Amino acid sequence: SVPIVFFTRKGSLEDANEALSQGATAVLKKPDATGGQHDATA
């Protein structure tokens, strides 16, 4: 009875459609970082 929401940065439109067709309530996009980062800390 608890809604499932996917939270993703990598997902495609096809992934979102598949998730919704399998009963997910929504697919939310994780915010993207801006600028160039060249190490894990950045």
PDB file of all heavy atoms in Angstrom:
ATOM      1  N   SER A   1       0.803  -1.223   0.000  1.00  0.00           N
ATOM      2  CA  SER A   1       0.000   0.000   0.000  1.00  0.00           C
ATOM      3  C   SER A   1       0.838   1.276   0.000  1.00  0.00           C
ATOM      4  O   SER A   1       0.300   2.378  -0.040  1.00  0.00           O
ATOM      5  CB  SER A   1      -0.929   0.018   1.222  1.00  0.00           C
ATOM      6  OG  SER A   1      -0.169   0.049   2.422  1.00  0.00           O
ATOM      7  N   VAL A   2       2.169   1.134   0.047  1.00  0.00           N
ATOM      8  CA  VAL A   2       3.044   2.306   0.081  1.00  0.00           C
ATOM      9  C   VAL A   2       3.516   2.621  -1.333  1.00  0.00           C
ATOM     10  O   VAL A   2       4.041   1.745  -2.020  1.00  0.00           O
ATOM     11  CB  VAL A   2       4.258   2.062   0.997  1.00  0.00           C
ATOM     12  CG1 VAL A   2       5.181   3.286   1.000  1.00  0.00           C
ATOM     13  CG2 VAL A   2       3.795   1.747   2.417  1.00  0.00           C
ATOM     14  N   PRO A   3       3.327   3.867  -1.789  1.00  0.00           N
ATOM     15  CA  PRO A   3       3.748   4.203  -3.158  1.00  0.00           C
ATOM     16  C   PRO A   3       5.256   4.106  -3.338  1.00  0.00           C
ATOM     17  O   PRO A   3       6.022   4.370  -2.410  1.00  0.00           O
ATOM     18  CB  PRO A   3       3.256   5.644  -3.342  1.00  0.00           C
ATOM     19  CG  PRO A   3       3.088   6.182  -1.967  1.00  0.00           C
ATOM     20  CD  PRO A   3       2.718   5.018  -1.096  1.00  0.00           C
ATOM     21  N   ILE A   4       5.648   3.729  -4.542  1.00  0.00           N
ATOM     22  CA  ILE A   4       7.072   3.612  -4.886  1.00  0.00           C
ATOM     23  C   ILE A   4       7.425   4.708  -5.874  1.00  0.00           C
ATOM     24  O   ILE A   4       6.766   4.877  -6.909  1.00  0.00           O
ATOM     25  CB  ILE A   4       7.371   2.224  -5.490  1.00  0.00           C
ATOM     26  CG1 ILE A   4       7.200   1.135  -4.417  1.00  0.00           C
ATOM     27  CG2 ILE A   4       8.772   2.185  -6.096  1.00  0.00           C
ATOM     28  CD1 ILE A   4       7.325  -0.268  -4.958  1.00  0.00           C
ATOM     29  N   VAL A   5       8.456   5.467  -5.558  1.00  0.00           N
ATOM     30  CA  VAL A   5       8.941   6.535  -6.418  1.00  0.00           C
ATOM     31  C   VAL A   5      10.397   6.247  -6.771  1.00  0.00           C
ATOM     32  O   VAL A   5      11.220   6.048  -5.870  1.00  0.00           O
ATOM     33  CB  VAL A   5       8.834   7.906  -5.717  1.00  0.00           C
ATOM     34  CG1 VAL A   5       9.409   9.010  -6.605  1.00  0.00           C
ATOM     35  CG2 VAL A   5       7.384   8.219  -5.363  1.00  0.00           C
ATOM     36  N   PHE A   6      10.710   6.201  -8.048  1.00  0.00           N
ATOM     37  CA  PHE A   6      12.103   6.028  -8.457  1.00  0.00           C
ATOM     38  C   PHE A   6      12.796   7.392  -8.479  1.00  0.00           C
ATOM     39  O   PHE A   6      12.204   8.396  -8.853  1.00  0.00           O
ATOM     40  CB  PHE A   6      12.194   5.373  -9.834  1.00  0.00           C
ATOM     41  CG  PHE A   6      11.974   3.884  -9.810  1.00  0.00           C
ATOM     42  CD1 PHE A   6      10.750   3.339 -10.139  1.00  0.00           C
ATOM     43  CD2 PHE A   6      12.998   3.038  -9.442  1.00  0.00           C
ATOM     44  CE1 PHE A   6      10.546   1.977 -10.101  1.00  0.00           C
ATOM     45  CE2 PHE A   6      12.824   1.668  -9.396  1.00  0.00           C
ATOM     46  CZ  PHE A   6      11.585   1.131  -9.725  1.00  0.00           C
ATOM     47  N   PHE A   7      14.049   7.378  -8.071  1.00  0.00           N
ATOM     48  CA  PHE A   7      14.853   8.600  -7.984  1.00  0.00           C
ATOM     49  C   PHE A   7      16.153   8.299  -8.704  1.00  0.00           C
ATOM     50  O   PHE A   7      16.984   7.521  -8.224  1.00  0.00           O
ATOM     51  CB  PHE A   7      15.088   8.927  -6.507  1.00  0.00           C
ATOM     52  CG  PHE A   7      15.627  10.302  -6.245  1.00  0.00           C
ATOM     53  CD1 PHE A   7      15.226  11.388  -6.981  1.00  0.00           C
ATOM     54  CD2 PHE A   7      16.533  10.505  -5.218  1.00  0.00           C
ATOM     55  CE1 PHE A   7      15.713  12.659  -6.721  1.00  0.00           C
ATOM     56  CE2 PHE A   7      17.022  11.767  -4.942  1.00  0.00           C
ATOM     57  CZ  PHE A   7      16.609  12.844  -5.694  1.00  0.00           C
ATOM     58  N   THR A   8      16.351   8.879  -9.880  1.00  0.00           N
ATOM     59  CA  THR A   8      17.466   8.450 -10.714  1.00  0.00           C
ATOM     60  C   THR A   8      18.092   9.603 -11.490  1.00  0.00           C
ATOM     61  O   THR A   8      17.416  10.567 -11.840  1.00  0.00           O
ATOM     62  CB  THR A   8      17.004   7.365 -11.714  1.00  0.00           C
ATOM     63  OG1 THR A   8      18.107   6.945 -12.518  1.00  0.00           O
ATOM     64  CG2 THR A   8      15.893   7.895 -12.616  1.00  0.00           C
ATOM     65  N   ARG A   9      19.363   9.484 -11.731  1.00  0.00           N
ATOM     66  CA  ARG A   9      20.064  10.410 -12.616  1.00  0.00           C
ATOM     67  C   ARG A   9      20.399   9.729 -13.935  1.00  0.00           C
ATOM     68  O   ARG A   9      20.619  10.376 -14.948  1.00  0.00           O
ATOM     69  CB  ARG A   9      21.344  10.912 -11.931  1.00  0.00           C
ATOM     70  CG  ARG A   9      22.111  11.981 -12.714  1.00  0.00           C
ATOM     71  CD  ARG A   9      23.295  12.510 -11.912  1.00  0.00           C
ATOM     72  NE  ARG A   9      22.843  13.222 -10.727  1.00  0.00           N
ATOM     73  CZ  ARG A   9      22.947  12.749  -9.483  1.00  0.00           C
ATOM     74  NH1 ARG A   9      23.480  11.556  -9.265  1.00  0.00           N
ATOM     75  NH2 ARG A   9      22.513  13.440  -8.462  1.00  0.00           N
ATOM     76  N   LYS A  10      20.449   8.417 -13.925  1.00  0.00           N
ATOM     77  CA  LYS A  10      20.895   7.657 -15.095  1.00  0.00           C
ATOM     78  C   LYS A  10      19.745   7.197 -15.977  1.00  0.00           C
ATOM     79  O   LYS A  10      19.960   6.804 -17.111  1.00  0.00           O
ATOM     80  CB  LYS A  10      21.691   6.425 -14.649  1.00  0.00           C
ATOM     81  CG  LYS A  10      22.826   6.690 -13.672  1.00  0.00           C
ATOM     82  CD  LYS A  10      23.565   5.405 -13.354  1.00  0.00           C
ATOM     83  CE  LYS A  10      24.619   5.585 -12.279  1.00  0.00           C
ATOM     84  NZ  LYS A  10      24.042   5.538 -10.922  1.00  0.00           N
ATOM     85  N   GLY A  11      18.529   7.190 -15.449  1.00  0.00           N
ATOM     86  CA  GLY A  11      17.411   6.591 -16.161  1.00  0.00           C
ATOM     87  C   GLY A  11      17.059   7.302 -17.458  1.00  0.00           C
ATOM     88  O   GLY A  11      17.176   8.520 -17.569  1.00  0.00           O
ATOM     89  N   SER A  12      16.608   6.526 -18.426  1.00  0.00           N
ATOM     90  CA  SER A  12      16.167   7.053 -19.710  1.00  0.00           C
ATOM     91  C   SER A  12      14.648   7.149 -19.722  1.00  0.00           C
ATOM     92  O   SER A  12      13.964   6.703 -18.794  1.00  0.00           O
ATOM     93  CB  SER A  12      16.629   6.131 -20.845  1.00  0.00           C
ATOM     94  OG  SER A  12      16.008   4.858 -20.713  1.00  0.00           O
ATOM     95  N   LEU A  13      14.105   7.709 -20.801  1.00  0.00           N
ATOM     96  CA  LEU A  13      12.656   7.772 -20.946  1.00  0.00           C
ATOM     97  C   LEU A  13      12.068   6.363 -20.993  1.00  0.00           C
ATOM     98  O   LEU A  13      11.006   6.108 -20.417  1.00  0.00           O
ATOM     99  CB  LEU A  13      12.305   8.539 -22.229  1.00  0.00           C
ATOM    100  CG  LEU A  13      10.817   8.675 -22.563  1.00  0.00           C
ATOM    101  CD1 LEU A  13      10.075   9.415 -21.460  1.00  0.00           C
ATOM    102  CD2 LEU A  13      10.641   9.392 -23.898  1.00  0.00           C
ATOM    103  N   GLU A  14      12.765   5.450 -21.648  1.00  0.00           N
ATOM    104  CA  GLU A  14      12.288   4.060 -21.711  1.00  0.00           C
ATOM    105  C   GLU A  14      12.251   3.449 -20.314  1.00  0.00           C
ATOM    106  O   GLU A  14      11.315   2.718 -19.971  1.00  0.00           O
ATOM    107  CB  GLU A  14      13.195   3.235 -22.627  1.00  0.00           C
ATOM    108  CG  GLU A  14      13.082   3.566 -24.104  1.00  0.00           C
ATOM    109  CD  GLU A  14      13.828   4.843 -24.477  1.00  0.00           C
ATOM    110  OE1 GLU A  14      14.602   5.360 -23.636  1.00  0.00           O
ATOM    111  OE2 GLU A  14      13.631   5.329 -25.611  1.00  0.00           O
ATOM    112  N   ASP A  15      13.269   3.740 -19.503  1.00  0.00           N
ATOM    113  CA  ASP A  15      13.281   3.233 -18.125  1.00  0.00           C
ATOM    114  C   ASP A  15      12.089   3.772 -17.340  1.00  0.00           C
ATOM    115  O   ASP A  15      11.449   3.043 -16.571  1.00  0.00           O
ATOM    116  CB  ASP A  15      14.578   3.647 -17.417  1.00  0.00           C
ATOM    117  CG  ASP A  15      15.814   2.994 -18.023  1.00  0.00           C
ATOM    118  OD1 ASP A  15      15.681   1.899 -18.594  1.00  0.00           O
ATOM    119  OD2 ASP A  15      16.902   3.582 -17.915  1.00  0.00           O
ATOM    120  N   ALA A  16      11.810   5.064 -17.505  1.00  0.00           N
ATOM    121  CA  ALA A  16      10.697   5.686 -16.783  1.00  0.00           C
ATOM    122  C   ALA A  16       9.368   5.061 -17.193  1.00  0.00           C
ATOM    123  O   ALA A  16       8.520   4.749 -16.339  1.00  0.00           O
ATOM    124  CB  ALA A  16      10.672   7.187 -17.046  1.00  0.00           C
ATOM    125  N   ASN A  17       9.171   4.846 -18.488  1.00  0.00           N
ATOM    126  CA  ASN A  17       7.936   4.226 -18.962  1.00  0.00           C
ATOM    127  C   ASN A  17       7.777   2.815 -18.405  1.00  0.00           C
ATOM    128  O   ASN A  17       6.678   2.407 -18.013  1.00  0.00           O
ATOM    129  CB  ASN A  17       7.917   4.186 -20.492  1.00  0.00           C
ATOM    130  CG  ASN A  17       7.681   5.551 -21.104  1.00  0.00           C
ATOM    131  OD1 ASN A  17       7.100   6.431 -20.477  1.00  0.00           O
ATOM    132  ND2 ASN A  17       8.130   5.741 -22.334  1.00  0.00           N
ATOM    133  N   GLU A  18       8.877   2.069 -18.371  1.00  0.00           N
ATOM    134  CA  GLU A  18       8.823   0.702 -17.838  1.00  0.00           C
ATOM    135  C   GLU A  18       8.478   0.724 -16.354  1.00  0.00           C
ATOM    136  O   GLU A  18       7.667  -0.082 -15.879  1.00  0.00           O
ATOM    137  CB  GLU A  18      10.176   0.017 -18.061  1.00  0.00           C
ATOM    138  CG  GLU A  18      10.239  -1.421 -17.557  1.00  0.00           C
ATOM    139  CD  GLU A  18       9.343  -2.368 -18.334  1.00  0.00           C
ATOM    140  OE1 GLU A  18       8.927  -2.019 -19.449  1.00  0.00           O
ATOM    141  OE2 GLU A  18       9.053  -3.460 -17.804  1.00  0.00           O
ATOM    142  N   ALA A  19       9.088   1.649 -15.605  1.00  0.00           N
ATOM    143  CA  ALA A  19       8.812   1.742 -14.174  1.00  0.00           C
ATOM    144  C   ALA A  19       7.344   2.077 -13.916  1.00  0.00           C
ATOM    145  O   ALA A  19       6.699   1.471 -13.051  1.00  0.00           O
ATOM    146  CB  ALA A  19       9.720   2.800 -13.543  1.00  0.00           C
ATOM    147  N   LEU A  20       6.807   3.034 -14.661  1.00  0.00           N
ATOM    148  CA  LEU A  20       5.410   3.423 -14.476  1.00  0.00           C
ATOM    149  C   LEU A  20       4.472   2.292 -14.870  1.00  0.00           C
ATOM    150  O   LEU A  20       3.449   2.064 -14.222  1.00  0.00           O
ATOM    151  CB  LEU A  20       5.110   4.676 -15.297  1.00  0.00           C
ATOM    152  CG  LEU A  20       5.848   5.948 -14.847  1.00  0.00           C
ATOM    153  CD1 LEU A  20       5.608   7.078 -15.843  1.00  0.00           C
ATOM    154  CD2 LEU A  20       5.412   6.374 -13.447  1.00  0.00           C
ATOM    155  N   SER A  21       4.814   1.561 -15.934  1.00  0.00           N
ATOM    156  CA  SER A  21       3.960   0.458 -16.375  1.00  0.00           C
ATOM    157  C   SER A  21       3.943  -0.671 -15.361  1.00  0.00           C
ATOM    158  O   SER A  21       2.996  -1.455 -15.312  1.00  0.00           O
ATOM    159  CB  SER A  21       4.418  -0.066 -17.741  1.00  0.00           C
ATOM    160  OG  SER A  21       5.658  -0.755 -17.630  1.00  0.00           O
ATOM    161  N   GLN A  22       4.987  -0.767 -14.533  1.00  0.00           N
ATOM    162  CA  GLN A  22       5.055  -1.810 -13.515  1.00  0.00           C
ATOM    163  C   GLN A  22       4.559  -1.333 -12.146  1.00  0.00           C
ATOM    164  O   GLN A  22       4.757  -2.004 -11.146  1.00  0.00           O
ATOM    165  CB  GLN A  22       6.474  -2.350 -13.414  1.00  0.00           C
ATOM    166  CG  GLN A  22       6.920  -3.083 -14.673  1.00  0.00           C
ATOM    167  CD  GLN A  22       8.150  -3.942 -14.445  1.00  0.00           C
ATOM    168  OE1 GLN A  22       8.464  -4.344 -13.337  1.00  0.00           O
ATOM    169  NE2 GLN A  22       8.862  -4.242 -15.529  1.00  0.00           N
ATOM    170  N   GLY A  23       3.929  -0.155 -12.124  1.00  0.00           N
ATOM    171  CA  GLY A  23       3.246   0.256 -10.900  1.00  0.00           C
ATOM    172  C   GLY A  23       3.890   1.350 -10.084  1.00  0.00           C
ATOM    173  O   GLY A  23       3.370   1.710  -9.027  1.00  0.00           O
ATOM    174  N   ALA A  24       5.022   1.893 -10.529  1.00  0.00           N
ATOM    175  CA  ALA A  24       5.623   3.005  -9.788  1.00  0.00           C
ATOM    176  C   ALA A  24       4.693   4.214  -9.847  1.00  0.00           C
ATOM    177  O   ALA A  24       4.016   4.448 -10.849  1.00  0.00           O
ATOM    178  CB  ALA A  24       6.979   3.373 -10.374  1.00  0.00           C
ATOM    179  N   THR A  25       4.659   4.977  -8.759  1.00  0.00           N
ATOM    180  CA  THR A  25       3.821   6.160  -8.716  1.00  0.00           C
ATOM    181  C   THR A  25       4.418   7.291  -9.540  1.00  0.00           C
ATOM    182  O   THR A  25       3.704   8.053 -10.200  1.00  0.00           O
ATOM    183  CB  THR A  25       3.634   6.627  -7.261  1.00  0.00           C
ATOM    184  OG1 THR A  25       2.998   5.578  -6.519  1.00  0.00           O
ATOM    185  CG2 THR A  25       2.790   7.885  -7.170  1.00  0.00           C
ATOM    186  N   ALA A  26       5.734   7.418  -9.512  1.00  0.00           N
ATOM    187  CA  ALA A  26       6.398   8.507 -10.240  1.00  0.00           C
ATOM    188  C   ALA A  26       7.866   8.158 -10.417  1.00  0.00           C
ATOM    189  O   ALA A  26       8.402   7.264  -9.755  1.00  0.00           O
ATOM    190  CB  ALA A  26       6.251   9.830  -9.494  1.00  0.00           C
ATOM    191  N   VAL A  27       8.503   8.885 -11.328  1.00  0.00           N
ATOM    192  CA  VAL A  27       9.953   8.800 -11.520  1.00  0.00           C
ATOM    193  C   VAL A  27      10.486  10.226 -11.419  1.00  0.00           C
ATOM    194  O   VAL A  27      10.134  11.080 -12.234  1.00  0.00           O
ATOM    195  CB  VAL A  27      10.321   8.190 -12.886  1.00  0.00           C
ATOM    196  CG1 VAL A  27      11.844   8.142 -13.041  1.00  0.00           C
ATOM    197  CG2 VAL A  27       9.728   6.795 -13.032  1.00  0.00           C
ATOM    198  N   LEU A  28      11.301  10.475 -10.408  1.00  0.00           N
ATOM    199  CA  LEU A  28      11.875  11.802 -10.208  1.00  0.00           C
ATOM    200  C   LEU A  28      13.339  11.791 -10.619  1.00  0.00           C
ATOM    201  O   LEU A  28      14.042  10.795 -10.435  1.00  0.00           O
ATOM    202  CB  LEU A  28      11.751  12.229  -8.741  1.00  0.00           C
ATOM    203  CG  LEU A  28      10.329  12.280  -8.164  1.00  0.00           C
ATOM    204  CD1 LEU A  28      10.371  12.742  -6.714  1.00  0.00           C
ATOM    205  CD2 LEU A  28       9.436  13.181  -8.996  1.00  0.00           C
ATOM    206  N   LYS A  29      13.784  12.916 -11.148  1.00  0.00           N
ATOM    207  CA  LYS A  29      15.152  13.021 -11.634  1.00  0.00           C
ATOM    208  C   LYS A  29      16.058  13.606 -10.551  1.00  0.00           C
ATOM    209  O   LYS A  29      15.753  14.635  -9.962  1.00  0.00           O
ATOM    210  CB  LYS A  29      15.200  13.906 -12.879  1.00  0.00           C
ATOM    211  CG  LYS A  29      16.551  13.931 -13.578  1.00  0.00           C
ATOM    212  CD  LYS A  29      16.480  14.769 -14.849  1.00  0.00           C
ATOM    213  CE  LYS A  29      17.801  14.713 -15.606  1.00  0.00           C
ATOM    214  NZ  LYS A  29      18.940  15.232 -14.836  1.00  0.00           N
ATOM    215  N   LYS A  30      17.180  12.930 -10.312  1.00  0.00           N
ATOM    216  CA  LYS A  30      18.180  13.483  -9.408  1.00  0.00           C
ATOM    217  C   LYS A  30      18.829  14.698 -10.062  1.00  0.00           C
ATOM    218  O   LYS A  30      19.102  14.678 -11.269  1.00  0.00           O
ATOM    219  CB  LYS A  30      19.258  12.439  -9.093  1.00  0.00           C
ATOM    220  CG  LYS A  30      18.781  11.253  -8.274  1.00  0.00           C
ATOM    221  CD  LYS A  30      19.914  10.265  -8.055  1.00  0.00           C
ATOM    222  CE  LYS A  30      19.458   9.055  -7.268  1.00  0.00           C
ATOM    223  NZ  LYS A  30      20.529   8.044  -7.127  1.00  0.00           N
ATOM    224  N   PRO A  31      19.083  15.752  -9.301  1.00  0.00           N
ATOM    225  CA  PRO A  31      19.716  16.943  -9.891  1.00  0.00           C
ATOM    226  C   PRO A  31      21.089  16.617 -10.467  1.00  0.00           C
ATOM    227  O   PRO A  31      21.836  15.803  -9.928  1.00  0.00           O
ATOM    228  CB  PRO A  31      19.832  17.906  -8.696  1.00  0.00           C
ATOM    229  CG  PRO A  31      18.825  17.423  -7.721  1.00  0.00           C
ATOM    230  CD  PRO A  31      18.750  15.937  -7.884  1.00  0.00           C
ATOM    231  N   ASP A  32      21.408  17.266 -11.592  1.00  0.00           N
ATOM    232  CA  ASP A  32      22.706  17.086 -12.232  1.00  0.00           C
ATOM    233  C   ASP A  32      23.693  18.132 -11.733  1.00  0.00           C
ATOM    234  O   ASP A  32      23.316  19.271 -11.422  1.00  0.00           O
ATOM    235  CB  ASP A  32      22.585  17.230 -13.751  1.00  0.00           C
ATOM    236  CG  ASP A  32      21.906  16.018 -14.369  1.00  0.00           C
ATOM    237  OD1 ASP A  32      22.238  14.896 -13.965  1.00  0.00           O
ATOM    238  OD2 ASP A  32      21.042  16.213 -15.243  1.00  0.00           O
ATOM    239  N   ALA A  33      24.950  17.742 -11.654  1.00  0.00           N
ATOM    240  CA  ALA A  33      26.013  18.692 -11.310  1.00  0.00           C
ATOM    241  C   ALA A  33      26.396  19.474 -12.558  1.00  0.00           C
ATOM    242  O   ALA A  33      26.297  18.987 -13.679  1.00  0.00           O
ATOM    243  CB  ALA A  33      27.221  17.950 -10.763  1.00  0.00           C
ATOM    244  N   THR A  34      26.814  20.709 -12.361  1.00  0.00           N
ATOM    245  CA  THR A  34      27.257  21.532 -13.485  1.00  0.00           C
ATOM    246  C   THR A  34      28.765  21.723 -13.405  1.00  0.00           C
ATOM    247  O   THR A  34      29.367  21.650 -12.329  1.00  0.00           O
ATOM    248  CB  THR A  34      26.578  22.914 -13.448  1.00  0.00           C
ATOM    249  OG1 THR A  34      26.841  23.532 -12.181  1.00  0.00           O
ATOM    250  CG2 THR A  34      25.074  22.767 -13.603  1.00  0.00           C
ATOM    251  N   GLY A  35      29.369  21.967 -14.558  1.00  0.00           N
ATOM    252  CA  GLY A  35      30.817  22.180 -14.594  1.00  0.00           C
ATOM    253  C   GLY A  35      31.568  20.870 -14.725  1.00  0.00           C
ATOM    254  O   GLY A  35      30.997  19.783 -14.640  1.00  0.00           O
ATOM    255  N   GLY A  36      32.858  20.970 -14.945  1.00  0.00           N
ATOM    256  CA  GLY A  36      33.684  19.774 -15.113  1.00  0.00           C
ATOM    257  C   GLY A  36      34.302  19.335 -13.794  1.00  0.00           C
ATOM    258  O   GLY A  36      34.870  20.148 -13.066  1.00  0.00           O
ATOM    259  N   GLN A  37      34.161  18.070 -13.478  1.00  0.00           N
ATOM    260  CA  GLN A  37      34.769  17.516 -12.270  1.00  0.00           C
ATOM    261  C   GLN A  37      35.711  16.392 -12.681  1.00  0.00           C
ATOM    262  O   GLN A  37      35.332  15.532 -13.467  1.00  0.00           O
ATOM    263  CB  GLN A  37      33.702  16.980 -11.298  1.00  0.00           C
ATOM    264  CG  GLN A  37      32.742  18.039 -10.774  1.00  0.00           C
ATOM    265  CD  GLN A  37      31.571  18.261 -11.708  1.00  0.00           C
ATOM    266  OE1 GLN A  37      31.076  17.329 -12.316  1.00  0.00           O
ATOM    267  NE2 GLN A  37      31.132  19.502 -11.834  1.00  0.00           N
ATOM    268  N   HIS A  38      36.905  16.408 -12.102  1.00  0.00           N
ATOM    269  CA  HIS A  38      37.923  15.465 -12.559  1.00  0.00           C
ATOM    270  C   HIS A  38      38.408  14.532 -11.460  1.00  0.00           C
ATOM    271  O   HIS A  38      39.344  13.763 -11.683  1.00  0.00           O
ATOM    272  CB  HIS A  38      39.112  16.239 -13.141  1.00  0.00           C
ATOM    273  CG  HIS A  38      38.724  17.174 -14.251  1.00  0.00           C
ATOM    274  ND1 HIS A  38      38.330  16.726 -15.498  1.00  0.00           N
ATOM    275  CD2 HIS A  38      38.626  18.519 -14.297  1.00  0.00           C
ATOM    276  CE1 HIS A  38      38.030  17.754 -16.265  1.00  0.00           C
ATOM    277  NE2 HIS A  38      38.194  18.864 -15.562  1.00  0.00           N
ATOM    278  N   ASP A  39      37.779  14.584 -10.286  1.00  0.00           N
ATOM    279  CA  ASP A  39      38.125  13.616  -9.240  1.00  0.00           C
ATOM    280  C   ASP A  39      36.889  13.357  -8.401  1.00  0.00           C
ATOM    281  O   ASP A  39      35.892  14.095  -8.467  1.00  0.00           O
ATOM    282  CB  ASP A  39      39.279  14.121  -8.370  1.00  0.00           C
ATOM    283  CG  ASP A  39      38.951  15.424  -7.666  1.00  0.00           C
ATOM    284  OD1 ASP A  39      38.162  15.398  -6.715  1.00  0.00           O
ATOM    285  OD2 ASP A  39      39.485  16.475  -8.082  1.00  0.00           O
ATOM    286  N   ALA A  40      36.941  12.289  -7.597  1.00  0.00           N
ATOM    287  CA  ALA A  40      35.765  11.847  -6.849  1.00  0.00           C
ATOM    288  C   ALA A  40      35.263  12.909  -5.884  1.00  0.00           C
ATOM    289  O   ALA A  40      34.042  13.097  -5.722  1.00  0.00           O
ATOM    290  CB  ALA A  40      36.101  10.563  -6.100  1.00  0.00           C
ATOM    291  N   THR A  41      36.157  13.627  -5.220  1.00  0.00           N
ATOM    292  CA  THR A  41      35.747  14.651  -4.261  1.00  0.00           C
ATOM    293  C   THR A  41      35.008  15.789  -4.952  1.00  0.00           C
ATOM    294  O   THR A  41      33.978  16.273  -4.473  1.00  0.00           O
ATOM    295  CB  THR A  41      36.972  15.219  -3.507  1.00  0.00           C
ATOM    296  OG1 THR A  41      37.631  14.148  -2.817  1.00  0.00           O
ATOM    297  CG2 THR A  41      36.552  16.285  -2.507  1.00  0.00           C
ATOM    298  N   ALA A  42      35.512  16.219  -6.101  1.00  0.00           N
ATOM    299  CA  ALA A  42      34.862  17.305  -6.845  1.00  0.00           C
ATOM    300  C   ALA A  42      33.482  16.887  -7.327  1.00  0.00           C
ATOM    301  O   ALA A  42      32.534  17.685  -7.295  1.00  0.00           O
ATOM    302  CB  ALA A  42      35.737  17.721  -8.022  1.00  0.00           C
TER     303      ALA A  42
END
